[in-house]
Amino acid sequence: MSLTPPGSSRPSRRAVLGGVAAATFALSAGTATAHARPDRPGRPSWPAEFPLPNGFRPEGIAIGGGPYAYMGSLADGSVRRADLRTGEGRTVLAGATGSAATGLKLDRDGLLYISGGLSASIRVLDTRTNRLTATYRPTTAGFVNDVILYGDRAWFTNSHLPVIHTVPRGHGRGGDLREVPLGGDWTQGPAGTISANGIETTPDGRALIVVNSPAGTLFRVDPRTGHATNITLRGADDVVNGDGLLRVGRTLYVVQNRLNVITVFDLDARARTATLRRTITDPRFDVPTTAARLGNRLYLVNARFTTPPTPETTYNAVAVPLR
C-alpha cells in the first residue's frame, strides 16, 4: 500500500474494460452492483461492487477459499469481513486510535496476518474466533506495509526502512520475530518516504518479489540473506506507483494505485524477467491499492488517496474479470 506523494503520479493511458453491472442489490450500507458468480457462470449473481463504511479508508484485502473477503482500515486498524455473494459486511476486529491495517493475508488455517502501517505492528487474527492470537512490535519502527505467506513464515515489507520482517505461521507460535536487511541492488528512498511496498513469491517458490513504489522497479529477494536483484522489465519502462502484488502461476498482477491500472506481466520461473502482457483498468477505479482473487475475478479496494479523508468520505470495493 502506498502513500506516494501526488507529484509522482502520472495519468493513465490504459484502455478501459467494458461495462459495469446490470443489476443492484440494496444493502444496509448502500448498494452493491451484481455480476455473474465468479466461479460458476449462470448461477445467481454476485456483486461486482459494494460499499464500505464511510470513513473506513481501506488499504488491504485478502480472500481465502470461501466467499469472504477481509479488508483492513488505514484509519483505525479495524478489519471488516464482507460476504462476496451479497456484499454485506461486518467488523470482525475493532479499531483503535493510532492503529492501522494495511496489508492482509489469510492462511489456510484461518489465521489472518495484518501489517500495521505507521503503528509499526504485526498482528495475527484468528478469523474463526475473531480474536488476536499474537501481536509483534518490530524494534525498527517505520511503516509495516504488506505481507506474503512463504514457507513456514509470514514476510512483511517496511516502506520506510530497507528491511523485511518475518514471523512464524500457525497457531500457538508466538515470538521469533526476525528482520532481514535488504541489500544487493536495493536502493532505499529518503527517510520517511515510501520505498518497499507489495510483496509476493516467485513462481519457482525460492524467493520473494518486492516492488519499490516510487522507483517503479521490481526485485527478486533472497529471503535468507535479503539480497535483492533487479527484475528486468520487458515491454514496460517501470511500474511506478506499484502497490499490491498478486501472482497466479507465472502471471504477476501489479496494482499501480494512482495510475488506476493493473499491469499484467508474464514471469519466468525464477522471476528474473517480467514481460508485459496487458493492462487492466476500469472507470470504477479510484486509487486501488491491493487485489485478491476468487474464481475468475480480481477484487480491489479503492483507497481514494486523492480525496481528502473525512469521517463522511465514501469507500468501496470493486471486482474486475480475471482474463
Protein backbone atom coordinates (compact mmCIF):
# COMPACT_ATOMS: atom_id res chain seq x y z
CA MET A 1 0.00 0.00 0.00
CA SER A 2 1.39 3.37 -0.90
CA LEU A 3 1.11 6.92 0.29
CA THR A 4 3.15 8.17 -2.66
CA PRO A 5 3.13 11.99 -2.97
CA PRO A 6 0.73 13.29 -5.64
CA GLY A 7 3.61 14.70 -7.65
CA SER A 8 4.80 11.18 -8.55
CA SER A 9 1.50 10.09 -10.13
CA ARG A 10 1.01 10.05 -13.86
CA PRO A 11 -2.26 9.96 -15.80
CA SER A 12 -3.32 6.56 -17.09
CA ARG A 13 -3.34 5.91 -20.81
CA ARG A 14 -4.83 2.47 -20.45
CA ALA A 15 -7.79 1.08 -22.28
CA VAL A 16 -10.97 0.83 -20.24
CA LEU A 17 -12.51 -2.53 -19.56
CA GLY A 18 -16.05 -2.90 -20.59
CA GLY A 19 -19.10 -2.39 -18.63
CA VAL A 20 -20.49 -2.10 -15.20
CA ALA A 21 -23.17 -4.24 -13.71
CA ALA A 22 -26.68 -4.84 -14.84
CA ALA A 23 -28.49 -5.07 -11.53
CA THR A 24 -28.19 -3.76 -7.98
CA PHE A 25 -28.67 -5.19 -4.52
CA ALA A 26 -29.98 -3.00 -1.72
CA LEU A 27 -27.76 -3.33 1.34
CA SER A 28 -27.84 -1.82 4.76
CA ALA A 29 -24.62 0.10 4.00
CA GLY A 30 -25.57 1.13 0.44
CA THR A 31 -25.95 -0.64 -2.88
CA ALA A 32 -23.98 -3.46 -4.41
CA THR A 33 -23.74 -3.97 -8.15
CA ALA A 34 -24.35 -7.50 -9.40
CA HIS A 35 -22.38 -9.57 -11.91
CA ALA A 36 -22.37 -13.30 -12.54
CA ARG A 37 -20.98 -15.54 -9.85
CA PRO A 38 -17.18 -15.65 -10.40
CA ASP A 39 -16.69 -19.39 -10.28
CA ARG A 40 -19.94 -20.74 -11.73
CA PRO A 41 -21.34 -18.81 -14.70
CA GLY A 42 -25.10 -18.91 -14.96
CA ARG A 43 -25.62 -19.25 -11.20
CA PRO A 44 -27.07 -16.44 -9.02
CA SER A 45 -25.27 -13.13 -9.46
CA TRP A 46 -22.61 -11.87 -7.07
CA PRO A 47 -21.98 -8.13 -6.67
CA ALA A 48 -19.09 -6.64 -8.63
CA GLU A 49 -19.11 -3.52 -6.47
CA PHE A 50 -20.09 -3.00 -2.86
CA PRO A 51 -19.77 -0.20 -0.32
CA LEU A 52 -17.63 0.03 2.79
CA PRO A 53 -18.45 2.19 5.82
CA ASN A 54 -17.93 5.92 5.44
CA GLY A 55 -14.50 6.96 6.67
CA PHE A 56 -13.17 3.38 6.58
CA ARG A 57 -10.09 4.18 4.42
CA PRO A 58 -9.43 0.66 3.07
CA GLU A 59 -5.91 -0.49 2.24
CA GLY A 60 -5.57 -4.26 2.15
CA ILE A 61 -7.80 -7.10 1.01
CA ALA A 62 -7.48 -10.87 1.47
CA ILE A 63 -9.68 -13.75 0.31
CA GLY A 64 -9.46 -17.37 1.38
CA GLY A 65 -11.09 -20.39 -0.23
CA GLY A 66 -14.60 -19.36 0.77
CA PRO A 67 -16.79 -16.47 -0.33
CA TYR A 68 -15.48 -13.96 2.22
CA ALA A 69 -13.11 -11.02 1.81
CA TYR A 70 -11.26 -9.35 4.67
CA MET A 71 -10.41 -5.67 4.36
CA GLY A 72 -8.27 -3.53 6.64
CA SER A 73 -8.65 0.12 7.61
CA LEU A 74 -5.83 2.64 7.45
CA ALA A 75 -7.89 4.91 9.70
CA ASP A 76 -8.01 2.81 12.87
CA GLY A 77 -6.73 -0.72 12.20
CA SER A 78 -10.14 -2.34 12.15
CA VAL A 79 -10.84 -5.34 9.91
CA ARG A 80 -14.09 -5.91 8.09
CA ARG A 81 -15.38 -9.17 6.59
CA ALA A 82 -17.63 -9.00 3.51
CA ASP A 83 -19.72 -11.80 2.06
CA LEU A 84 -18.85 -11.72 -1.64
CA ARG A 85 -22.18 -13.34 -2.52
CA THR A 86 -24.09 -10.28 -1.28
CA GLY A 87 -21.57 -7.55 -0.48
CA GLU A 88 -22.87 -7.35 3.08
CA GLY A 89 -20.21 -6.97 5.73
CA ARG A 90 -19.43 -6.62 9.40
CA THR A 91 -16.49 -5.63 11.58
CA VAL A 92 -14.56 -8.61 12.96
CA LEU A 93 -11.72 -6.68 14.59
CA ALA A 94 -12.44 -3.36 16.26
CA GLY A 95 -10.28 -0.36 15.54
CA ALA A 96 -8.30 1.78 17.96
CA THR A 97 -6.74 5.23 17.87
CA GLY A 98 -3.23 5.11 16.42
CA SER A 99 -3.73 1.69 14.84
CA ALA A 100 -3.79 0.74 11.15
CA ALA A 101 -4.36 -2.33 8.98
CA THR A 102 -2.62 -2.17 5.62
CA GLY A 103 -1.55 -5.48 4.05
CA LEU A 104 -3.56 -8.64 4.80
CA LYS A 105 -3.03 -12.33 4.02
CA LEU A 106 -5.32 -15.18 5.05
CA ASP A 107 -3.78 -18.60 5.73
CA ARG A 108 -5.46 -21.98 5.20
CA ASP A 109 -5.83 -22.42 8.96
CA GLY A 110 -7.94 -19.27 9.25
CA LEU A 111 -5.20 -17.01 10.61
CA LEU A 112 -5.14 -13.52 9.12
CA TYR A 113 -1.76 -11.74 9.13
CA ILE A 114 -2.08 -7.96 9.36
CA SER A 115 0.50 -5.25 8.60
CA GLY A 116 0.22 -2.25 10.90
CA GLY A 117 1.40 0.67 8.76
CA LEU A 118 2.75 3.56 10.83
CA SER A 119 1.69 1.81 14.03
CA ALA A 120 4.69 -0.45 13.26
CA SER A 121 2.87 -3.54 14.45
CA ILE A 122 2.18 -7.02 13.12
CA ARG A 123 -1.00 -8.72 14.30
CA VAL A 124 -2.44 -12.20 13.80
CA LEU A 125 -6.22 -12.61 13.87
CA ASP A 126 -7.95 -15.98 14.20
CA THR A 127 -10.89 -15.49 11.84
CA ARG A 128 -12.72 -18.45 13.39
CA THR A 129 -12.95 -16.74 16.78
CA ASN A 130 -12.26 -13.12 15.73
CA ARG A 131 -9.60 -12.87 18.42
CA LEU A 132 -5.98 -11.78 18.14
CA THR A 133 -3.57 -14.65 18.73
CA ALA A 134 -0.33 -12.65 18.51
CA THR A 135 0.97 -9.09 18.27
CA TYR A 136 4.55 -8.24 17.30
CA ARG A 137 6.40 -4.93 17.64
CA PRO A 138 9.48 -4.70 15.40
CA THR A 139 12.41 -3.00 17.09
CA THR A 140 12.79 -0.88 13.96
CA ALA A 141 9.55 1.06 13.56
CA GLY A 142 8.84 2.60 10.13
CA PHE A 143 5.80 1.70 8.03
CA VAL A 144 4.99 -2.03 8.05
CA ASN A 145 3.21 -2.20 4.73
CA ASP A 146 2.39 -5.50 3.04
CA VAL A 147 2.62 -9.24 3.72
CA ILE A 148 3.00 -12.58 1.95
CA LEU A 149 2.97 -16.16 3.27
CA TYR A 150 6.08 -18.12 2.31
CA GLY A 151 7.33 -21.36 3.77
CA ASP A 152 6.54 -21.59 7.46
CA ARG A 153 6.60 -17.83 7.98
CA ALA A 154 4.83 -14.58 7.06
CA TRP A 155 7.00 -11.87 5.47
CA PHE A 156 6.33 -8.13 5.76
CA THR A 157 7.74 -5.14 3.89
CA ASN A 158 8.73 -1.97 5.72
CA SER A 159 8.30 1.02 3.44
CA HIS A 160 10.45 3.38 5.49
CA LEU A 161 13.38 1.03 6.11
CA PRO A 162 15.42 -1.40 3.97
CA VAL A 163 14.30 -4.45 5.94
CA ILE A 164 11.81 -7.31 5.75
CA HIS A 165 10.15 -8.52 8.94
CA THR A 166 9.17 -12.16 9.32
CA VAL A 167 7.12 -14.07 11.92
CA PRO A 168 6.11 -17.74 12.27
CA ARG A 169 2.91 -19.07 10.73
CA GLY A 170 0.49 -21.26 12.62
CA HIS A 171 -1.45 -21.49 15.87
CA GLY A 172 0.37 -21.28 19.17
CA ARG A 173 3.63 -20.00 17.70
CA GLY A 174 4.46 -16.72 19.42
CA GLY A 175 7.74 -14.80 19.45
CA ASP A 176 10.56 -15.36 16.98
CA LEU A 177 10.20 -12.05 15.16
CA ARG A 178 13.13 -11.68 12.76
CA GLU A 179 14.40 -8.93 10.49
CA VAL A 180 16.20 -9.46 7.18
CA PRO A 181 18.05 -6.38 5.83
CA LEU A 182 17.66 -5.64 2.12
CA GLY A 183 20.88 -5.43 0.11
CA GLY A 184 22.26 -6.08 -3.35
CA ASP A 185 20.54 -3.91 -5.96
CA TRP A 186 18.10 -2.46 -3.45
CA THR A 187 18.06 1.35 -3.17
CA GLN A 188 16.18 2.93 -0.26
CA GLY A 189 14.47 6.30 -0.68
CA PRO A 190 14.86 9.31 1.63
CA ALA A 191 13.93 8.88 5.29
CA GLY A 192 10.18 8.90 5.92
CA THR A 193 9.21 8.17 2.31
CA ILE A 194 7.72 5.02 0.79
CA SER A 195 10.11 2.54 -0.86
CA ALA A 196 9.24 -1.17 -0.46
CA ASN A 197 5.55 -1.84 -0.95
CA GLY A 198 3.84 -5.01 -2.26
CA ILE A 199 5.39 -8.45 -1.80
CA GLU A 200 4.87 -11.83 -3.50
CA THR A 201 6.67 -15.13 -4.13
CA THR A 202 8.48 -16.22 -7.28
CA PRO A 203 6.99 -18.98 -9.48
CA ASP A 204 9.77 -21.40 -8.50
CA GLY A 205 8.98 -20.85 -4.82
CA ARG A 206 12.57 -19.98 -3.92
CA ALA A 207 12.44 -16.22 -3.47
CA LEU A 208 10.29 -13.16 -2.89
CA ILE A 209 9.25 -10.36 -5.24
CA VAL A 210 9.17 -6.82 -3.82
CA VAL A 211 8.14 -3.63 -5.60
CA ASN A 212 9.82 -0.29 -4.94
CA SER A 213 6.86 2.02 -5.48
CA PRO A 214 8.38 5.46 -6.34
CA ALA A 215 11.26 3.92 -8.30
CA GLY A 216 8.86 1.71 -10.26
CA THR A 217 11.14 -1.32 -10.03
CA LEU A 218 10.58 -4.98 -9.15
CA PHE A 219 13.16 -7.00 -7.21
CA ARG A 220 13.80 -10.69 -6.64
CA VAL A 221 14.78 -11.03 -2.98
CA ASP A 222 16.53 -13.96 -1.34
CA PRO A 223 14.57 -14.46 1.93
CA ARG A 224 17.62 -15.87 3.74
CA THR A 225 20.03 -13.04 3.02
CA GLY A 226 17.87 -10.13 1.81
CA HIS A 227 19.98 -9.86 -1.35
CA ALA A 228 17.85 -8.06 -3.95
CA THR A 229 18.25 -8.43 -7.71
CA ASN A 230 16.56 -6.09 -10.16
CA ILE A 231 13.93 -7.88 -12.27
CA THR A 232 14.24 -6.91 -15.94
CA LEU A 233 11.02 -5.42 -17.33
CA ARG A 234 10.18 -6.09 -20.98
CA GLY A 235 7.52 -4.05 -22.73
CA ALA A 236 7.22 -1.55 -19.86
CA ASP A 237 9.58 1.15 -18.63
CA ASP A 238 8.59 0.85 -14.97
CA VAL A 239 5.81 0.07 -12.51
CA VAL A 240 5.81 3.44 -10.77
CA ASN A 241 3.18 3.69 -8.00
CA GLY A 242 3.32 -0.10 -7.78
CA ASP A 243 1.38 -1.17 -4.71
CA GLY A 244 -0.17 -4.59 -4.16
CA LEU A 245 1.27 -7.62 -5.97
CA LEU A 246 -0.64 -10.79 -6.84
CA ARG A 247 0.82 -13.81 -8.61
CA VAL A 248 -1.25 -16.53 -10.29
CA GLY A 249 1.11 -19.17 -11.69
CA ARG A 250 3.62 -17.25 -13.78
CA THR A 251 1.34 -14.22 -14.14
CA LEU A 252 2.09 -11.22 -11.93
CA TYR A 253 -0.53 -8.52 -11.36
CA VAL A 254 0.89 -5.16 -10.23
CA VAL A 255 -1.62 -2.65 -8.87
CA GLN A 256 -0.37 0.84 -9.77
CA ASN A 257 -2.52 2.81 -7.39
CA ARG A 258 -2.59 6.46 -8.51
CA LEU A 259 -2.46 5.41 -12.15
CA ASN A 260 -5.70 3.44 -11.66
CA VAL A 261 -4.32 0.48 -13.56
CA ILE A 262 -3.30 -3.14 -13.01
CA THR A 263 -0.28 -4.10 -15.08
CA VAL A 264 -0.06 -7.79 -16.00
CA PHE A 265 3.31 -9.45 -16.57
CA ASP A 266 4.48 -12.91 -17.59
CA LEU A 267 7.32 -14.11 -15.33
CA ASP A 268 9.98 -16.69 -16.00
CA ALA A 269 10.22 -19.40 -13.32
CA ARG A 270 12.90 -17.60 -11.29
CA ALA A 271 11.37 -14.13 -11.80
CA ARG A 272 14.49 -12.76 -13.45
CA THR A 273 12.38 -11.09 -16.17
CA ALA A 274 8.81 -9.75 -16.32
CA THR A 275 7.26 -9.34 -19.78
CA LEU A 276 4.27 -7.05 -20.20
CA ARG A 277 1.19 -8.94 -21.34
CA ARG A 278 -1.59 -6.37 -20.96
CA THR A 279 -3.13 -3.79 -18.63
CA ILE A 280 -6.45 -3.67 -16.80
CA THR A 281 -8.33 -0.53 -15.88
CA ASP A 282 -11.91 0.32 -15.06
CA PRO A 283 -13.89 3.57 -14.66
CA ARG A 284 -14.72 2.50 -11.09
CA PHE A 285 -11.07 2.51 -10.01
CA ASP A 286 -10.32 5.33 -7.56
CA VAL A 287 -6.73 4.70 -6.45
CA PRO A 288 -6.97 0.95 -5.85
CA THR A 289 -4.21 -0.36 -3.62
CA THR A 290 -4.34 -4.15 -3.42
CA ALA A 291 -6.02 -7.07 -5.19
CA ALA A 292 -7.19 -10.54 -4.18
CA ARG A 293 -8.50 -13.31 -6.39
CA LEU A 294 -11.58 -15.51 -6.20
CA GLY A 295 -12.54 -17.63 -9.19
CA ASN A 296 -12.25 -15.60 -12.38
CA ARG A 297 -12.30 -12.21 -10.65
CA LEU A 298 -9.91 -9.78 -9.03
CA TYR A 299 -11.30 -7.85 -6.07
CA LEU A 300 -9.77 -4.48 -5.22
CA VAL A 301 -10.32 -1.80 -2.58
CA ASN A 302 -10.38 1.86 -3.60
CA ALA A 303 -8.19 3.80 -1.17
CA ARG A 304 -9.07 7.18 -2.75
CA PHE A 305 -5.74 8.77 -1.78
CA THR A 306 -6.51 11.80 -3.96
CA THR A 307 -9.67 12.51 -1.93
CA PRO A 308 -9.17 14.19 1.50
CA PRO A 309 -10.29 11.62 4.11
CA THR A 310 -13.09 12.59 6.47
CA PRO A 311 -15.47 10.54 8.62
CA GLU A 312 -18.05 11.02 5.85
CA THR A 313 -15.85 10.05 2.88
CA THR A 314 -17.33 7.11 0.99
CA TYR A 315 -15.31 4.00 0.08
CA ASN A 316 -15.96 0.78 -1.80
CA ALA A 317 -14.54 -2.42 -3.23
CA VAL A 318 -14.84 -3.46 -6.87
CA ALA A 319 -14.30 -6.61 -8.92
CA VAL A 320 -12.97 -6.97 -12.47
CA PRO A 321 -12.70 -10.06 -14.65
CA LEU A 322 -9.53 -12.11 -14.43
CA ARG A 323 -8.81 -12.69 -18.10
